[in-house]
Amino acid sequence: MTKGEVSERVVAERARWVREMLANLRALPLETEERFFSDPRNLWAAESCLRRALEALLDLGRHLLAKGFGLAAAEYKEIAVRLGQVGVLTQSEADLMRDMAGYRNRMVHFYHEVTPEELYSLARHRLGEIEALLDAMLAWYR
């Protein structure tokens, strides 16, 4: 893959999408499991927004690798590893992103194994981690 120029438009669009999905997740009634599970639509909204936020985050990482370094990454977990190798993310951030890529893959390919309680826990406790990964990539870009 040939190194190119990182697209400001792509970076802005993916960052906007991640932030929009995180805002939608934070608007859900996450205070207690009882409130969250009182309406089944909350679960479906959380799954969709979480998956979309992670996909946009990982797509941004793939774009930075391709255009900023001329590197391809075939799988989402590989994106995280390579972002750590080239210094866009610290090793701990790369490990966290790899973990998040695993959640995304489970939601898409092993959706029947992801429990409602796990989705609630991710939405309730881990949104800040997604935001921190986005901020780290944007800090490198700027």
C-alpha atoms as a PDB file:
ATOM      1  CA  MET A   1       0.000   0.000   0.000  1.00  0.00           C
ATOM      2  CA  THR A   2       1.294   3.430  -0.902  1.00  0.00           C
ATOM      3  CA  LYS A   3       1.392   6.161   1.711  1.00  0.00           C
ATOM      4  CA  GLY A   4      -0.889   9.069   0.870  1.00  0.00           C
ATOM      5  CA  GLU A   5      -2.400  12.045   2.594  1.00  0.00           C
ATOM      6  CA  VAL A   6      -4.687  11.669   5.581  1.00  0.00           C
ATOM      7  CA  SER A   7      -8.050  13.130   4.622  1.00  0.00           C
ATOM      8  CA  GLU A   8      -9.262  15.846   6.965  1.00  0.00           C
ATOM      9  CA  ARG A   9     -12.806  15.114   5.770  1.00  0.00           C
ATOM     10  CA  VAL A  10     -12.580  11.407   6.629  1.00  0.00           C
ATOM     11  CA  VAL A  11     -11.068  12.160  10.040  1.00  0.00           C
ATOM     12  CA  ALA A  12     -13.780  14.725  10.826  1.00  0.00           C
ATOM     13  CA  GLU A  13     -16.627  12.506   9.608  1.00  0.00           C
ATOM     14  CA  ARG A  14     -15.503   9.451  11.567  1.00  0.00           C
ATOM     15  CA  ALA A  15     -14.856  11.514  14.698  1.00  0.00           C
ATOM     16  CA  ARG A  16     -18.285  13.135  14.398  1.00  0.00           C
ATOM     17  CA  TRP A  17     -19.910   9.730  13.981  1.00  0.00           C
ATOM     18  CA  VAL A  18     -18.164   8.284  17.059  1.00  0.00           C
ATOM     19  CA  ARG A  19     -19.159  11.300  19.162  1.00  0.00           C
ATOM     20  CA  GLU A  20     -22.763  11.189  17.903  1.00  0.00           C
ATOM     21  CA  MET A  21     -23.095   7.496  18.749  1.00  0.00           C
ATOM     22  CA  LEU A  22     -21.585   8.073  22.201  1.00  0.00           C
ATOM     23  CA  ALA A  23     -24.041  10.923  22.804  1.00  0.00           C
ATOM     24  CA  ASN A  24     -26.925   8.648  21.797  1.00  0.00           C
ATOM     25  CA  LEU A  25     -25.673   5.991  24.199  1.00  0.00           C
ATOM     26  CA  ARG A  26     -25.330   8.491  27.031  1.00  0.00           C
ATOM     27  CA  ALA A  27     -28.921   9.618  26.409  1.00  0.00           C
ATOM     28  CA  LEU A  28     -30.194   6.136  27.278  1.00  0.00           C
ATOM     29  CA  PRO A  29     -31.407   5.467  30.839  1.00  0.00           C
ATOM     30  CA  LEU A  30     -28.150   3.911  32.040  1.00  0.00           C
ATOM     31  CA  GLU A  31     -28.511   4.845  35.723  1.00  0.00           C
ATOM     32  CA  THR A  32     -29.734   1.373  36.688  1.00  0.00           C
ATOM     33  CA  GLU A  33     -30.239  -1.958  34.960  1.00  0.00           C
ATOM     34  CA  GLU A  34     -33.897  -1.843  35.967  1.00  0.00           C
ATOM     35  CA  ARG A  35     -34.479   1.425  34.095  1.00  0.00           C
ATOM     36  CA  PHE A  36     -32.409   0.329  31.117  1.00  0.00           C
ATOM     37  CA  PHE A  37     -34.177  -3.012  30.709  1.00  0.00           C
ATOM     38  CA  SER A  38     -37.658  -1.563  31.327  1.00  0.00           C
ATOM     39  CA  ASP A  39     -37.887  -0.783  27.607  1.00  0.00           C
ATOM     40  CA  PRO A  40     -36.471  -3.417  25.215  1.00  0.00           C
ATOM     41  CA  ARG A  41     -35.713  -0.709  22.666  1.00  0.00           C
ATOM     42  CA  ASN A  42     -32.900   0.542  24.907  1.00  0.00           C
ATOM     43  CA  LEU A  43     -31.002  -2.702  24.385  1.00  0.00           C
ATOM     44  CA  TRP A  44     -31.316  -2.543  20.608  1.00  0.00           C
ATOM     45  CA  ALA A  45     -30.354   1.125  20.548  1.00  0.00           C
ATOM     46  CA  ALA A  46     -27.328   0.444  22.747  1.00  0.00           C
ATOM     47  CA  GLU A  47     -26.161  -2.425  20.541  1.00  0.00           C
ATOM     48  CA  SER A  48     -26.528  -0.414  17.345  1.00  0.00           C
ATOM     49  CA  CYS A  49     -24.873   2.743  18.655  1.00  0.00           C
ATOM     50  CA  LEU A  50     -22.040   0.863  20.342  1.00  0.00           C
ATOM     51  CA  ARG A  51     -21.298  -1.181  17.222  1.00  0.00           C
ATOM     52  CA  ARG A  52     -21.416   1.904  15.005  1.00  0.00           C
ATOM     53  CA  ALA A  53     -19.169   3.894  17.343  1.00  0.00           C
ATOM     54  CA  LEU A  54     -16.607   1.088  17.352  1.00  0.00           C
ATOM     55  CA  GLU A  55     -16.778   0.624  13.588  1.00  0.00           C
ATOM     56  CA  ALA A  56     -16.238   4.341  12.983  1.00  0.00           C
ATOM     57  CA  LEU A  57     -13.349   4.384  15.476  1.00  0.00           C
ATOM     58  CA  LEU A  58     -11.708   1.399  13.807  1.00  0.00           C
ATOM     59  CA  ASP A  59     -12.345   2.799  10.323  1.00  0.00           C
ATOM     60  CA  LEU A  60     -10.588   5.995  11.401  1.00  0.00           C
ATOM     61  CA  GLY A  61      -7.656   3.917  12.597  1.00  0.00           C
ATOM     62  CA  ARG A  62      -7.551   2.036   9.291  1.00  0.00           C
ATOM     63  CA  HIS A  63      -7.545   5.358   7.403  1.00  0.00           C
ATOM     64  CA  LEU A  64      -4.662   6.724   9.511  1.00  0.00           C
ATOM     65  CA  LEU A  65      -2.647   3.573   8.874  1.00  0.00           C
ATOM     66  CA  ALA A  66      -3.337   3.513   5.145  1.00  0.00           C
ATOM     67  CA  LYS A  67      -2.842   7.181   4.371  1.00  0.00           C
ATOM     68  CA  GLY A  68      -0.421   8.171   7.119  1.00  0.00           C
ATOM     69  CA  PHE A  69       1.860   5.134   6.949  1.00  0.00           C
ATOM     70  CA  GLY A  70       0.989   3.184   3.802  1.00  0.00           C
ATOM     71  CA  LEU A  71      -0.006   0.190   5.930  1.00  0.00           C
ATOM     72  CA  ALA A  72      -2.919  -2.147   5.341  1.00  0.00           C
ATOM     73  CA  ALA A  73      -4.798  -3.920   8.108  1.00  0.00           C
ATOM     74  CA  ALA A  74      -7.183  -6.659   7.074  1.00  0.00           C
ATOM     75  CA  GLU A  75      -8.830  -7.222  10.449  1.00  0.00           C
ATOM     76  CA  TYR A  76     -10.078  -4.842  13.105  1.00  0.00           C
ATOM     77  CA  LYS A  77      -7.803  -6.239  15.829  1.00  0.00           C
ATOM     78  CA  GLU A  78      -4.828  -5.773  13.504  1.00  0.00           C
ATOM     79  CA  ILE A  79      -5.678  -2.069  13.199  1.00  0.00           C
ATOM     80  CA  ALA A  80      -5.224  -1.679  16.947  1.00  0.00           C
ATOM     81  CA  VAL A  81      -1.918  -3.554  16.975  1.00  0.00           C
ATOM     82  CA  ARG A  82      -0.489  -1.532  14.093  1.00  0.00           C
ATOM     83  CA  LEU A  83      -1.611   1.794  15.568  1.00  0.00           C
ATOM     84  CA  GLY A  84       0.461   0.882  18.610  1.00  0.00           C
ATOM     85  CA  GLN A  85       3.435  -0.206  16.520  1.00  0.00           C
ATOM     86  CA  VAL A  86       3.607   3.086  14.599  1.00  0.00           C
ATOM     87  CA  GLY A  87       3.087   5.255  17.679  1.00  0.00           C
ATOM     88  CA  VAL A  88      -0.377   6.630  16.996  1.00  0.00           C
ATOM     89  CA  LEU A  89      -1.494   4.902  20.204  1.00  0.00           C
ATOM     90  CA  THR A  90       0.470   3.942  23.293  1.00  0.00           C
ATOM     91  CA  GLN A  91       0.759   0.226  23.981  1.00  0.00           C
ATOM     92  CA  SER A  92      -1.966   0.389  26.638  1.00  0.00           C
ATOM     93  CA  GLU A  93      -4.247   2.300  24.253  1.00  0.00           C
ATOM     94  CA  ALA A  94      -3.541  -0.225  21.493  1.00  0.00           C
ATOM     95  CA  ASP A  95      -4.390  -3.057  23.894  1.00  0.00           C
ATOM     96  CA  LEU A  96      -7.632  -1.314  24.837  1.00  0.00           C
ATOM     97  CA  MET A  97      -8.520  -0.747  21.188  1.00  0.00           C
ATOM     98  CA  ARG A  98      -7.813  -4.405  20.438  1.00  0.00           C
ATOM     99  CA  ASP A  99     -10.224  -5.289  23.247  1.00  0.00           C
ATOM    100  CA  MET A 100     -12.851  -2.968  21.753  1.00  0.00           C
ATOM    101  CA  ALA A 101     -12.313  -4.513  18.306  1.00  0.00           C
ATOM    102  CA  GLY A 102     -13.047  -7.866  19.903  1.00  0.00           C
ATOM    103  CA  TYR A 103     -16.348  -6.542  21.249  1.00  0.00           C
ATOM    104  CA  ARG A 104     -17.272  -5.257  17.807  1.00  0.00           C
ATOM    105  CA  ASN A 105     -16.454  -8.613  16.238  1.00  0.00           C
ATOM    106  CA  ARG A 106     -18.522 -10.448  18.839  1.00  0.00           C
ATOM    107  CA  MET A 107     -21.487  -8.130  18.269  1.00  0.00           C
ATOM    108  CA  VAL A 108     -21.374  -8.818  14.528  1.00  0.00           C
ATOM    109  CA  HIS A 109     -20.278 -12.453  14.272  1.00  0.00           C
ATOM    110  CA  PHE A 110     -21.223 -13.920  17.653  1.00  0.00           C
ATOM    111  CA  TYR A 111     -24.232 -11.703  18.394  1.00  0.00           C
ATOM    112  CA  HIS A 112     -26.041 -14.641  19.976  1.00  0.00           C
ATOM    113  CA  GLU A 113     -23.332 -14.854  22.663  1.00  0.00           C
ATOM    114  CA  VAL A 114     -23.417 -11.184  23.714  1.00  0.00           C
ATOM    115  CA  THR A 115     -25.711 -10.948  26.715  1.00  0.00           C
ATOM    116  CA  PRO A 116     -27.986  -8.002  27.450  1.00  0.00           C
ATOM    117  CA  GLU A 117     -26.123  -7.513  30.731  1.00  0.00           C
ATOM    118  CA  GLU A 118     -22.805  -7.288  28.893  1.00  0.00           C
ATOM    119  CA  LEU A 119     -24.176  -4.653  26.510  1.00  0.00           C
ATOM    120  CA  TYR A 120     -25.543  -2.681  29.443  1.00  0.00           C
ATOM    121  CA  SER A 121     -22.186  -2.869  31.217  1.00  0.00           C
ATOM    122  CA  LEU A 122     -20.308  -1.670  28.134  1.00  0.00           C
ATOM    123  CA  ALA A 123     -22.715   1.227  27.644  1.00  0.00           C
ATOM    124  CA  ARG A 124     -22.690   2.124  31.330  1.00  0.00           C
ATOM    125  CA  HIS A 125     -18.981   1.834  32.101  1.00  0.00           C
ATOM    126  CA  ARG A 126     -16.807   1.922  28.974  1.00  0.00           C
ATOM    127  CA  LEU A 127     -17.912   4.819  26.795  1.00  0.00           C
ATOM    128  CA  GLY A 128     -15.157   7.009  28.210  1.00  0.00           C
ATOM    129  CA  GLU A 129     -12.594   4.504  26.960  1.00  0.00           C
ATOM    130  CA  ILE A 130     -13.935   4.767  23.415  1.00  0.00           C
ATOM    131  CA  GLU A 131     -13.800   8.547  23.665  1.00  0.00           C
ATOM    132  CA  ALA A 132     -10.227   8.396  25.003  1.00  0.00           C
ATOM    133  CA  LEU A 133      -9.143   6.262  22.034  1.00  0.00           C
ATOM    134  CA  LEU A 134     -10.724   8.735  19.636  1.00  0.00           C
ATOM    135  CA  ASP A 135      -8.998  11.629  21.405  1.00  0.00           C
ATOM    136  CA  ALA A 136      -5.638   9.830  21.207  1.00  0.00           C
ATOM    137  CA  MET A 137      -5.971   9.311  17.452  1.00  0.00           C
ATOM    138  CA  LEU A 138      -7.075  12.902  16.919  1.00  0.00           C
ATOM    139  CA  ALA A 139      -4.146  14.164  19.017  1.00  0.00           C
ATOM    140  CA  TRP A 140      -1.750  12.237  16.769  1.00  0.00           C
ATOM    141  CA  TYR A 141      -3.463  13.600  13.653  1.00  0.00           C
ATOM    142  CA  ARG A 142      -3.284  17.219  14.813  1.00  0.00           C
END
